[in-house]
Amino acid sequence: MKKFGMIKLDSEFGKRIGFTSDKFAGWLWLMDKTIIISFIVSVQEGKGNLSKLFSTLGGLGYTIEIPTPSARMMSIAKTKGFKQRFVYDETMKDSVEIWTNAN
């Protein structure tokens, strides 16, 4: 499997991790062993699909990063034990807020 690129809904890898169009809209990014929650919307909010996705990714050894999350996503990240950090982005020439499940 490739180590970098967009993870599309219903792709082979998307299906493997439960990132399917019956549960979500949007896309994810893969960078080595990190999954970046770039843009994701639950189409069945409150059904536990996001929790299951996070659990599946963690079980497969992936680190999850959520850059500049919405207020709702930040609340979820805090509940799940994610930690906030800031990383300098060379393209933006500024610090970017990232929430991660990495220690």
PDB file of N, CA and C in Angstrom:
ATOM      1  N   MET A   1       0.831  -1.185   0.000  1.00  0.00           N
ATOM      2  CA  MET A   1       0.000   0.000   0.000  1.00  0.00           C
ATOM      3  C   MET A   1       0.876   1.249   0.000  1.00  0.00           C
ATOM      4  N   LYS A   2       0.390   2.301  -0.659  1.00  0.00           N
ATOM      5  CA  LYS A   2       1.162   3.541  -0.693  1.00  0.00           C
ATOM      6  C   LYS A   2       1.274   4.140   0.698  1.00  0.00           C
ATOM      7  N   LYS A   3       2.279   4.958   0.892  1.00  0.00           N
ATOM      8  CA  LYS A   3       2.542   5.546   2.202  1.00  0.00           C
ATOM      9  C   LYS A   3       2.131   7.010   2.285  1.00  0.00           C
ATOM     10  N   PHE A   4       1.616   7.572   1.185  1.00  0.00           N
ATOM     11  CA  PHE A   4       1.185   8.960   1.192  1.00  0.00           C
ATOM     12  C   PHE A   4       0.068   9.143   0.178  1.00  0.00           C
ATOM     13  N   GLY A   5      -0.947   9.873   0.562  1.00  0.00           N
ATOM     14  CA  GLY A   5      -1.997  10.210  -0.394  1.00  0.00           C
ATOM     15  C   GLY A   5      -3.360  10.306   0.261  1.00  0.00           C
ATOM     16  N   MET A   6      -4.315  10.705  -0.561  1.00  0.00           N
ATOM     17  CA  MET A   6      -5.686  10.853  -0.108  1.00  0.00           C
ATOM     18  C   MET A   6      -6.331   9.482   0.060  1.00  0.00           C
ATOM     19  N   ILE A   7      -7.086   9.339   1.130  1.00  0.00           N
ATOM     20  CA  ILE A   7      -7.897   8.131   1.336  1.00  0.00           C
ATOM     21  C   ILE A   7      -9.322   8.513   0.986  1.00  0.00           C
ATOM     22  N   LYS A   8      -9.826   7.940  -0.078  1.00  0.00           N
ATOM     23  CA  LYS A   8     -11.172   8.258  -0.535  1.00  0.00           C
ATOM     24  C   LYS A   8     -12.182   7.291   0.077  1.00  0.00           C
ATOM     25  N   LEU A   9     -13.400   7.785   0.214  1.00  0.00           N
ATOM     26  CA  LEU A   9     -14.495   6.939   0.669  1.00  0.00           C
ATOM     27  C   LEU A   9     -14.624   5.723  -0.244  1.00  0.00           C
ATOM     28  N   ASP A  10     -14.896   4.586   0.348  1.00  0.00           N
ATOM     29  CA  ASP A  10     -15.159   3.339  -0.378  1.00  0.00           C
ATOM     30  C   ASP A  10     -13.973   2.805  -1.176  1.00  0.00           C
ATOM     31  N   SER A  11     -12.779   3.414  -1.001  1.00  0.00           N
ATOM     32  CA  SER A  11     -11.581   2.854  -1.640  1.00  0.00           C
ATOM     33  C   SER A  11     -11.262   1.532  -0.932  1.00  0.00           C
ATOM     34  N   GLU A  12     -10.343   0.771  -1.466  1.00  0.00           N
ATOM     35  CA  GLU A  12      -9.969  -0.501  -0.842  1.00  0.00           C
ATOM     36  C   GLU A  12      -9.539  -0.284   0.611  1.00  0.00           C
ATOM     37  N   PHE A  13      -8.639   0.677   0.826  1.00  0.00           N
ATOM     38  CA  PHE A  13      -8.185   0.956   2.186  1.00  0.00           C
ATOM     39  C   PHE A  13      -9.314   1.574   3.017  1.00  0.00           C
ATOM     40  N   GLY A  14     -10.095   2.457   2.399  1.00  0.00           N
ATOM     41  CA  GLY A  14     -11.228   3.058   3.088  1.00  0.00           C
ATOM     42  C   GLY A  14     -12.180   1.994   3.632  1.00  0.00           C
ATOM     43  N   LYS A  15     -12.491   1.006   2.823  1.00  0.00           N
ATOM     44  CA  LYS A  15     -13.371  -0.086   3.271  1.00  0.00           C
ATOM     45  C   LYS A  15     -12.725  -0.867   4.407  1.00  0.00           C
ATOM     46  N   ARG A  16     -11.432  -1.075   4.320  1.00  0.00           N
ATOM     47  CA  ARG A  16     -10.715  -1.844   5.352  1.00  0.00           C
ATOM     48  C   ARG A  16     -10.811  -1.175   6.724  1.00  0.00           C
ATOM     49  N   ILE A  17     -10.802   0.164   6.732  1.00  0.00           N
ATOM     50  CA  ILE A  17     -10.832   0.876   8.009  1.00  0.00           C
ATOM     51  C   ILE A  17     -12.242   1.351   8.388  1.00  0.00           C
ATOM     52  N   GLY A  18     -13.221   1.106   7.527  1.00  0.00           N
ATOM     53  CA  GLY A  18     -14.589   1.529   7.816  1.00  0.00           C
ATOM     54  C   GLY A  18     -14.918   2.930   7.359  1.00  0.00           C
ATOM     55  N   PHE A  19     -14.107   3.483   6.466  1.00  0.00           N
ATOM     56  CA  PHE A  19     -14.332   4.823   5.930  1.00  0.00           C
ATOM     57  C   PHE A  19     -15.134   4.685   4.639  1.00  0.00           C
ATOM     58  N   THR A  20     -16.443   4.548   4.810  1.00  0.00           N
ATOM     59  CA  THR A  20     -17.336   4.263   3.695  1.00  0.00           C
ATOM     60  C   THR A  20     -18.442   5.319   3.603  1.00  0.00           C
ATOM     61  N   SER A  21     -19.008   5.441   2.412  1.00  0.00           N
ATOM     62  CA  SER A  21     -19.985   6.494   2.134  1.00  0.00           C
ATOM     63  C   SER A  21     -21.305   6.315   2.870  1.00  0.00           C
ATOM     64  N   ASP A  22     -21.572   5.147   3.405  1.00  0.00           N
ATOM     65  CA  ASP A  22     -22.790   4.971   4.199  1.00  0.00           C
ATOM     66  C   ASP A  22     -22.613   5.544   5.612  1.00  0.00           C
ATOM     67  N   LYS A  23     -21.371   5.865   5.981  1.00  0.00           N
ATOM     68  CA  LYS A  23     -21.078   6.389   7.323  1.00  0.00           C
ATOM     69  C   LYS A  23     -20.537   7.814   7.305  1.00  0.00           C
ATOM     70  N   PHE A  24     -19.794   8.175   6.252  1.00  0.00           N
ATOM     71  CA  PHE A  24     -19.083   9.446   6.227  1.00  0.00           C
ATOM     72  C   PHE A  24     -19.183  10.140   4.878  1.00  0.00           C
ATOM     73  N   ALA A  25     -18.899  11.430   4.901  1.00  0.00           N
ATOM     74  CA  ALA A  25     -18.611  12.215   3.699  1.00  0.00           C
ATOM     75  C   ALA A  25     -17.244  12.835   3.953  1.00  0.00           C
ATOM     76  N   GLY A  26     -16.504  13.115   2.891  1.00  0.00           N
ATOM     77  CA  GLY A  26     -15.199  13.754   3.053  1.00  0.00           C
ATOM     78  C   GLY A  26     -14.050  12.897   2.595  1.00  0.00           C
ATOM     79  N   TRP A  27     -12.889  13.148   3.195  1.00  0.00           N
ATOM     80  CA  TRP A  27     -11.676  12.420   2.841  1.00  0.00           C
ATOM     81  C   TRP A  27     -10.684  12.480   3.995  1.00  0.00           C
ATOM     82  N   LEU A  28      -9.735  11.598   3.938  1.00  0.00           N
ATOM     83  CA  LEU A  28      -8.643  11.519   4.910  1.00  0.00           C
ATOM     84  C   LEU A  28      -7.332  11.576   4.127  1.00  0.00           C
ATOM     85  N   TRP A  29      -6.224  11.771   4.839  1.00  0.00           N
ATOM     86  CA  TRP A  29      -4.899  11.718   4.223  1.00  0.00           C
ATOM     87  C   TRP A  29      -4.043  10.705   4.963  1.00  0.00           C
ATOM     88  N   LEU A  30      -3.222  10.002   4.232  1.00  0.00           N
ATOM     89  CA  LEU A  30      -2.255   9.057   4.782  1.00  0.00           C
ATOM     90  C   LEU A  30      -0.866   9.620   4.581  1.00  0.00           C
ATOM     91  N   MET A  31      -0.089   9.670   5.671  1.00  0.00           N
ATOM     92  CA  MET A  31       1.321  10.056   5.601  1.00  0.00           C
ATOM     93  C   MET A  31       2.090   9.068   6.464  1.00  0.00           C
ATOM     94  N   ASP A  32       2.691   8.083   5.826  1.00  0.00           N
ATOM     95  CA  ASP A  32       3.401   6.995   6.508  1.00  0.00           C
ATOM     96  C   ASP A  32       2.448   6.276   7.462  1.00  0.00           C
ATOM     97  N   LYS A  33       2.642   6.399   8.761  1.00  0.00           N
ATOM     98  CA  LYS A  33       1.769   5.725   9.737  1.00  0.00           C
ATOM     99  C   LYS A  33       0.866   6.731  10.456  1.00  0.00           C
ATOM    100  N   THR A  34       0.578   7.849   9.783  1.00  0.00           N
ATOM    101  CA  THR A  34      -0.300   8.869  10.337  1.00  0.00           C
ATOM    102  C   THR A  34      -1.497   9.062   9.420  1.00  0.00           C
ATOM    103  N   ILE A  35      -2.674   9.088  10.010  1.00  0.00           N
ATOM    104  CA  ILE A  35      -3.900   9.399   9.285  1.00  0.00           C
ATOM    105  C   ILE A  35      -4.303  10.811   9.698  1.00  0.00           C
ATOM    106  N   ILE A  36      -4.470  11.679   8.718  1.00  0.00           N
ATOM    107  CA  ILE A  36      -4.859  13.059   8.974  1.00  0.00           C
ATOM    108  C   ILE A  36      -6.348  13.201   8.659  1.00  0.00           C
ATOM    109  N   ILE A  37      -7.088  13.633   9.665  1.00  0.00           N
ATOM    110  CA  ILE A  37      -8.521  13.855   9.498  1.00  0.00           C
ATOM    111  C   ILE A  37      -8.669  15.240   8.874  1.00  0.00           C
ATOM    112  N   SER A  38      -8.639  15.279   7.562  1.00  0.00           N
ATOM    113  CA  SER A  38      -8.653  16.532   6.825  1.00  0.00           C
ATOM    114  C   SER A  38     -10.060  17.115   6.767  1.00  0.00           C
ATOM    115  N   PHE A  39     -10.979  16.347   6.258  1.00  0.00           N
ATOM    116  CA  PHE A  39     -12.371  16.783   6.163  1.00  0.00           C
ATOM    117  C   PHE A  39     -13.251  15.556   6.268  1.00  0.00           C
ATOM    118  N   ILE A  40     -14.073  15.514   7.304  1.00  0.00           N
ATOM    119  CA  ILE A  40     -14.915  14.343   7.523  1.00  0.00           C
ATOM    120  C   ILE A  40     -16.221  14.785   8.176  1.00  0.00           C
ATOM    121  N   VAL A  41     -17.315  14.240   7.690  1.00  0.00           N
ATOM    122  CA  VAL A  41     -18.638  14.494   8.239  1.00  0.00           C
ATOM    123  C   VAL A  41     -19.315  13.149   8.429  1.00  0.00           C
ATOM    124  N   SER A  42     -19.895  12.952   9.591  1.00  0.00           N
ATOM    125  CA  SER A  42     -20.646  11.722   9.837  1.00  0.00           C
ATOM    126  C   SER A  42     -22.042  11.875   9.239  1.00  0.00           C
ATOM    127  N   VAL A  43     -22.459  10.918   8.430  1.00  0.00           N
ATOM    128  CA  VAL A  43     -23.806  10.979   7.854  1.00  0.00           C
ATOM    129  C   VAL A  43     -24.838  10.333   8.786  1.00  0.00           C
ATOM    130  N   GLN A  44     -24.350   9.679   9.828  1.00  0.00           N
ATOM    131  CA  GLN A  44     -25.219   9.078  10.845  1.00  0.00           C
ATOM    132  C   GLN A  44     -24.698   9.486  12.212  1.00  0.00           C
ATOM    133  N   GLU A  45     -24.788  10.767  12.505  1.00  0.00           N
ATOM    134  CA  GLU A  45     -24.224  11.293  13.743  1.00  0.00           C
ATOM    135  C   GLU A  45     -24.793  10.568  14.968  1.00  0.00           C
ATOM    136  N   GLY A  46     -23.908  10.293  15.928  1.00  0.00           N
ATOM    137  CA  GLY A  46     -24.323   9.665  17.173  1.00  0.00           C
ATOM    138  C   GLY A  46     -24.391   8.147  17.137  1.00  0.00           C
ATOM    139  N   LYS A  47     -23.987   7.535  16.031  1.00  0.00           N
ATOM    140  CA  LYS A  47     -24.031   6.074  15.890  1.00  0.00           C
ATOM    141  C   LYS A  47     -22.713   5.394  16.268  1.00  0.00           C
ATOM    142  N   GLY A  48     -21.688   6.193  16.616  1.00  0.00           N
ATOM    143  CA  GLY A  48     -20.407   5.629  17.019  1.00  0.00           C
ATOM    144  C   GLY A  48     -19.463   5.325  15.877  1.00  0.00           C
ATOM    145  N   ASN A  49     -19.790   5.760  14.676  1.00  0.00           N
ATOM    146  CA  ASN A  49     -18.930   5.451  13.523  1.00  0.00           C
ATOM    147  C   ASN A  49     -17.557   6.100  13.614  1.00  0.00           C
ATOM    148  N   LEU A  50     -17.503   7.338  14.108  1.00  0.00           N
ATOM    149  CA  LEU A  50     -16.207   8.001  14.247  1.00  0.00           C
ATOM    150  C   LEU A  50     -15.373   7.315  15.327  1.00  0.00           C
ATOM    151  N   SER A  51     -15.996   6.949  16.423  1.00  0.00           N
ATOM    152  CA  SER A  51     -15.284   6.225  17.489  1.00  0.00           C
ATOM    153  C   SER A  51     -14.731   4.908  16.959  1.00  0.00           C
ATOM    154  N   LYS A  52     -15.538   4.209  16.172  1.00  0.00           N
ATOM    155  CA  LYS A  52     -15.085   2.932  15.603  1.00  0.00           C
ATOM    156  C   LYS A  52     -13.933   3.159  14.624  1.00  0.00           C
ATOM    157  N   LEU A  53     -14.010   4.216  13.825  1.00  0.00           N
ATOM    158  CA  LEU A  53     -12.920   4.538  12.898  1.00  0.00           C
ATOM    159  C   LEU A  53     -11.639   4.813  13.665  1.00  0.00           C
ATOM    160  N   PHE A  54     -11.713   5.650  14.708  1.00  0.00           N
ATOM    161  CA  PHE A  54     -10.534   5.942  15.524  1.00  0.00           C
ATOM    162  C   PHE A  54      -9.979   4.667  16.141  1.00  0.00           C
ATOM    163  N   SER A  55     -10.840   3.818  16.650  1.00  0.00           N
ATOM    164  CA  SER A  55     -10.414   2.568  17.281  1.00  0.00           C
ATOM    165  C   SER A  55      -9.729   1.645  16.266  1.00  0.00           C
ATOM    166  N   THR A  56     -10.312   1.536  15.090  1.00  0.00           N
ATOM    167  CA  THR A  56      -9.729   0.697  14.035  1.00  0.00           C
ATOM    168  C   THR A  56      -8.353   1.210  13.641  1.00  0.00           C
ATOM    169  N   LEU A  57      -8.237   2.513  13.430  1.00  0.00           N
ATOM    170  CA  LEU A  57      -6.949   3.096  13.039  1.00  0.00           C
ATOM    171  C   LEU A  57      -5.908   2.884  14.133  1.00  0.00           C
ATOM    172  N   GLY A  58      -6.291   3.119  15.385  1.00  0.00           N
ATOM    173  CA  GLY A  58      -5.369   2.884  16.497  1.00  0.00           C
ATOM    174  C   GLY A  58      -4.941   1.437  16.584  1.00  0.00           C
ATOM    175  N   GLY A  59      -5.887   0.529  16.378  1.00  0.00           N
ATOM    176  CA  GLY A  59      -5.583  -0.906  16.410  1.00  0.00           C
ATOM    177  C   GLY A  59      -4.627  -1.343  15.315  1.00  0.00           C
ATOM    178  N   LEU A  60      -4.651  -0.619  14.207  1.00  0.00           N
ATOM    179  CA  LEU A  60      -3.735  -0.906  13.095  1.00  0.00           C
ATOM    180  C   LEU A  60      -2.396  -0.184  13.248  1.00  0.00           C
ATOM    181  N   GLY A  61      -2.239   0.565  14.344  1.00  0.00           N
ATOM    182  CA  GLY A  61      -0.969   1.225  14.626  1.00  0.00           C
ATOM    183  C   GLY A  61      -0.814   2.609  14.021  1.00  0.00           C
ATOM    184  N   TYR A  62      -1.904   3.202  13.563  1.00  0.00           N
ATOM    185  CA  TYR A  62      -1.821   4.537  12.984  1.00  0.00           C
ATOM    186  C   TYR A  62      -1.959   5.607  14.061  1.00  0.00           C
ATOM    187  N   THR A  63      -1.210   6.672  13.905  1.00  0.00           N
ATOM    188  CA  THR A  63      -1.391   7.882  14.687  1.00  0.00           C
ATOM    189  C   THR A  63      -2.453   8.692  13.959  1.00  0.00           C
ATOM    190  N   ILE A  64      -3.332   9.347  14.713  1.00  0.00           N
ATOM    191  CA  ILE A  64      -4.375  10.182  14.121  1.00  0.00           C
ATOM    192  C   ILE A  64      -4.058  11.630  14.452  1.00  0.00           C
ATOM    193  N   GLU A  65      -4.134  12.479  13.435  1.00  0.00           N
ATOM    194  CA  GLU A  65      -3.943  13.915  13.624  1.00  0.00           C
ATOM    195  C   GLU A  65      -5.140  14.660  13.050  1.00  0.00           C
ATOM    196  N   ILE A  66      -5.593  15.670  13.797  1.00  0.00           N
ATOM    197  CA  ILE A  66      -6.715  16.503  13.365  1.00  0.00           C
ATOM    198  C   ILE A  66      -6.233  17.952  13.348  1.00  0.00           C
ATOM    199  N   PRO A  67      -5.893  18.478  12.167  1.00  0.00           N
ATOM    200  CA  PRO A  67      -5.431  19.866  12.097  1.00  0.00           C
ATOM    201  C   PRO A  67      -6.602  20.851  12.167  1.00  0.00           C
ATOM    202  N   THR A  68      -6.432  21.890  12.961  1.00  0.00           N
ATOM    203  CA  THR A  68      -7.401  22.974  13.098  1.00  0.00           C
ATOM    204  C   THR A  68      -8.838  22.453  13.125  1.00  0.00           C
ATOM    205  N   PRO A  69      -9.187  21.684  14.148  1.00  0.00           N
ATOM    206  CA  PRO A  69     -10.517  21.066  14.172  1.00  0.00           C
ATOM    207  C   PRO A  69     -11.637  22.075  14.419  1.00  0.00           C
ATOM    208  N   SER A  70     -12.820  21.723  13.943  1.00  0.00           N
ATOM    209  CA  SER A  70     -14.015  22.503  14.267  1.00  0.00           C
ATOM    210  C   SER A  70     -14.260  22.373  15.771  1.00  0.00           C
ATOM    211  N   ALA A  71     -15.133  23.190  16.307  1.00  0.00           N
ATOM    212  CA  ALA A  71     -15.445  23.118  17.740  1.00  0.00           C
ATOM    213  C   ALA A  71     -15.988  21.738  18.106  1.00  0.00           C
ATOM    214  N   ARG A  72     -16.835  21.178  17.268  1.00  0.00           N
ATOM    215  CA  ARG A  72     -17.405  19.842  17.529  1.00  0.00           C
ATOM    216  C   ARG A  72     -16.308  18.779  17.520  1.00  0.00           C
ATOM    217  N   MET A  73     -15.450  18.822  16.510  1.00  0.00           N
ATOM    218  CA  MET A  73     -14.373  17.831  16.413  1.00  0.00           C
ATOM    219  C   MET A  73     -13.388  17.999  17.557  1.00  0.00           C
ATOM    220  N   MET A  74     -13.127  19.227  17.976  1.00  0.00           N
ATOM    221  CA  MET A  74     -12.228  19.452  19.103  1.00  0.00           C
ATOM    222  C   MET A  74     -12.811  18.835  20.375  1.00  0.00           C
ATOM    223  N   SER A  75     -14.102  18.988  20.572  1.00  0.00           N
ATOM    224  CA  SER A  75     -14.770  18.399  21.726  1.00  0.00           C
ATOM    225  C   SER A  75     -14.634  16.875  21.709  1.00  0.00           C
ATOM    226  N   ILE A  76     -14.823  16.275  20.548  1.00  0.00           N
ATOM    227  CA  ILE A  76     -14.674  14.821  20.400  1.00  0.00           C
ATOM    228  C   ILE A  76     -13.230  14.420  20.683  1.00  0.00           C
ATOM    229  N   ALA A  77     -12.283  15.168  20.118  1.00  0.00           N
ATOM    230  CA  ALA A  77     -10.862  14.858  20.312  1.00  0.00           C
ATOM    231  C   ALA A  77     -10.492  14.898  21.792  1.00  0.00           C
ATOM    232  N   LYS A  78     -10.963  15.921  22.501  1.00  0.00           N
ATOM    233  CA  LYS A  78     -10.682  16.022  23.937  1.00  0.00           C
ATOM    234  C   LYS A  78     -11.256  14.817  24.680  1.00  0.00           C
ATOM    235  N   THR A  79     -12.477  14.446  24.346  1.00  0.00           N
ATOM    236  CA  THR A  79     -13.132  13.302  24.991  1.00  0.00           C
ATOM    237  C   THR A  79     -12.351  12.011  24.754  1.00  0.00           C
ATOM    238  N   LYS A  80     -11.763  11.894  23.573  1.00  0.00           N
ATOM    239  CA  LYS A  80     -11.006  10.691  23.200  1.00  0.00           C
ATOM    240  C   LYS A  80      -9.565  10.726  23.711  1.00  0.00           C
ATOM    241  N   GLY A  81      -9.184  11.789  24.422  1.00  0.00           N
ATOM    242  CA  GLY A  81      -7.839  11.860  24.992  1.00  0.00           C
ATOM    243  C   GLY A  81      -6.779  12.415  24.069  1.00  0.00           C
ATOM    244  N   PHE A  82      -7.180  13.004  22.967  1.00  0.00           N
ATOM    245  CA  PHE A  82      -6.212  13.616  22.063  1.00  0.00           C
ATOM    246  C   PHE A  82      -5.578  14.821  22.757  1.00  0.00           C
ATOM    247  N   LYS A  83      -4.371  15.142  22.365  1.00  0.00           N
ATOM    248  CA  LYS A  83      -3.632  16.264  22.943  1.00  0.00           C
ATOM    249  C   LYS A  83      -3.376  17.316  21.866  1.00  0.00           C
ATOM    250  N   GLN A  84      -3.438  18.567  22.280  1.00  0.00           N
ATOM    251  CA  GLN A  84      -3.198  19.687  21.379  1.00  0.00           C
ATOM    252  C   GLN A  84      -1.705  19.983  21.291  1.00  0.00           C
ATOM    253  N   ARG A  85      -1.257  20.307  20.081  1.00  0.00           N
ATOM    254  CA  ARG A  85       0.100  20.795  19.892  1.00  0.00           C
ATOM    255  C   ARG A  85       0.084  21.764  18.721  1.00  0.00           C
ATOM    256  N   PHE A  86       1.154  22.507  18.589  1.00  0.00           N
ATOM    257  CA  PHE A  86       1.281  23.454  17.491  1.00  0.00           C
ATOM    258  C   PHE A  86       2.543  23.117  16.715  1.00  0.00           C
ATOM    259  N   VAL A  87       2.432  23.122  15.396  1.00  0.00           N
ATOM    260  CA  VAL A  87       3.539  22.782  14.514  1.00  0.00           C
ATOM    261  C   VAL A  87       3.697  23.901  13.498  1.00  0.00           C
ATOM    262  N   TYR A  88       4.933  24.310  13.289  1.00  0.00           N
ATOM    263  CA  TYR A  88       5.190  25.341  12.285  1.00  0.00           C
ATOM    264  C   TYR A  88       5.022  24.748  10.894  1.00  0.00           C
ATOM    265  N   ASP A  89       4.225  25.404  10.072  1.00  0.00           N
ATOM    266  CA  ASP A  89       3.996  24.967   8.697  1.00  0.00           C
ATOM    267  C   ASP A  89       4.741  25.910   7.757  1.00  0.00           C
ATOM    268  N   GLU A  90       5.682  25.352   7.020  1.00  0.00           N
ATOM    269  CA  GLU A  90       6.529  26.146   6.131  1.00  0.00           C
ATOM    270  C   GLU A  90       5.711  26.817   5.030  1.00  0.00           C
ATOM    271  N   THR A  91       4.696  26.143   4.526  1.00  0.00           N
ATOM    272  CA  THR A  91       3.869  26.708   3.465  1.00  0.00           C
ATOM    273  C   THR A  91       3.080  27.914   3.961  1.00  0.00           C
ATOM    274  N   MET A  92       2.508  27.777   5.153  1.00  0.00           N
ATOM    275  CA  MET A  92       1.686  28.849   5.712  1.00  0.00           C
ATOM    276  C   MET A  92       2.516  29.908   6.429  1.00  0.00           C
ATOM    277  N   LYS A  93       3.768  29.576   6.715  1.00  0.00           N
ATOM    278  CA  LYS A  93       4.661  30.476   7.458  1.00  0.00           C
ATOM    279  C   LYS A  93       4.054  30.865   8.807  1.00  0.00           C
ATOM    280  N   ASP A  94       3.448  29.875   9.443  1.00  0.00           N
ATOM    281  CA  ASP A  94       2.800  30.103  10.730  1.00  0.00           C
ATOM    282  C   ASP A  94       2.619  28.759  11.438  1.00  0.00           C
ATOM    283  N   SER A  95       2.242  28.831  12.697  1.00  0.00           N
ATOM    284  CA  SER A  95       1.957  27.617  13.467  1.00  0.00           C
ATOM    285  C   SER A  95       0.555  27.121  13.157  1.00  0.00           C
ATOM    286  N   VAL A  96       0.408  25.808  13.126  1.00  0.00           N
ATOM    287  CA  VAL A  96      -0.874  25.158  12.868  1.00  0.00           C
ATOM    288  C   VAL A  96      -1.227  24.326  14.091  1.00  0.00           C
ATOM    289  N   GLU A  97      -2.472  24.443  14.526  1.00  0.00           N
ATOM    290  CA  GLU A  97      -2.968  23.652  15.650  1.00  0.00           C
ATOM    291  C   GLU A  97      -3.278  22.235  15.176  1.00  0.00           C
ATOM    292  N   ILE A  98      -2.777  21.244  15.914  1.00  0.00           N
ATOM    293  CA  ILE A  98      -3.028  19.845  15.594  1.00  0.00           C
ATOM    294  C   ILE A  98      -3.404  19.121  16.884  1.00  0.00           C
ATOM    295  N   TRP A  99      -4.462  18.331  16.813  1.00  0.00           N
ATOM    296  CA  TRP A  99      -4.837  17.454  17.920  1.00  0.00           C
ATOM    297  C   TRP A  99      -4.449  16.041  17.513  1.00  0.00           C
ATOM    298  N   THR A 100      -3.780  15.315  18.405  1.00  0.00           N
ATOM    299  CA  THR A 100      -3.273  13.992  18.064  1.00  0.00           C
ATOM    300  C   THR A 100      -3.471  13.005  19.205  1.00  0.00           C
ATOM    301  N   ASN A 101      -3.569  11.741  18.821  1.00  0.00           N
ATOM    302  CA  ASN A 101      -3.644  10.668  19.815  1.00  0.00           C
ATOM    303  C   ASN A 101      -2.268  10.123  20.159  1.00  0.00           C
ATOM    304  N   ALA A 102      -1.214  10.685  19.524  1.00  0.00           N
ATOM    305  CA  ALA A 102       0.163  10.249  19.819  1.00  0.00           C
ATOM    306  C   ALA A 102       0.583  10.791  21.171  1.00  0.00           C
ATOM    307  N   ASN A 103       1.454  10.052  21.839  1.00  0.00           N
ATOM    308  CA  ASN A 103       1.950  10.493  23.141  1.00  0.00           C
ATOM    309  C   ASN A 103       2.952  11.609  23.022  1.00  0.00           C
TER     310      ASN A 103
END
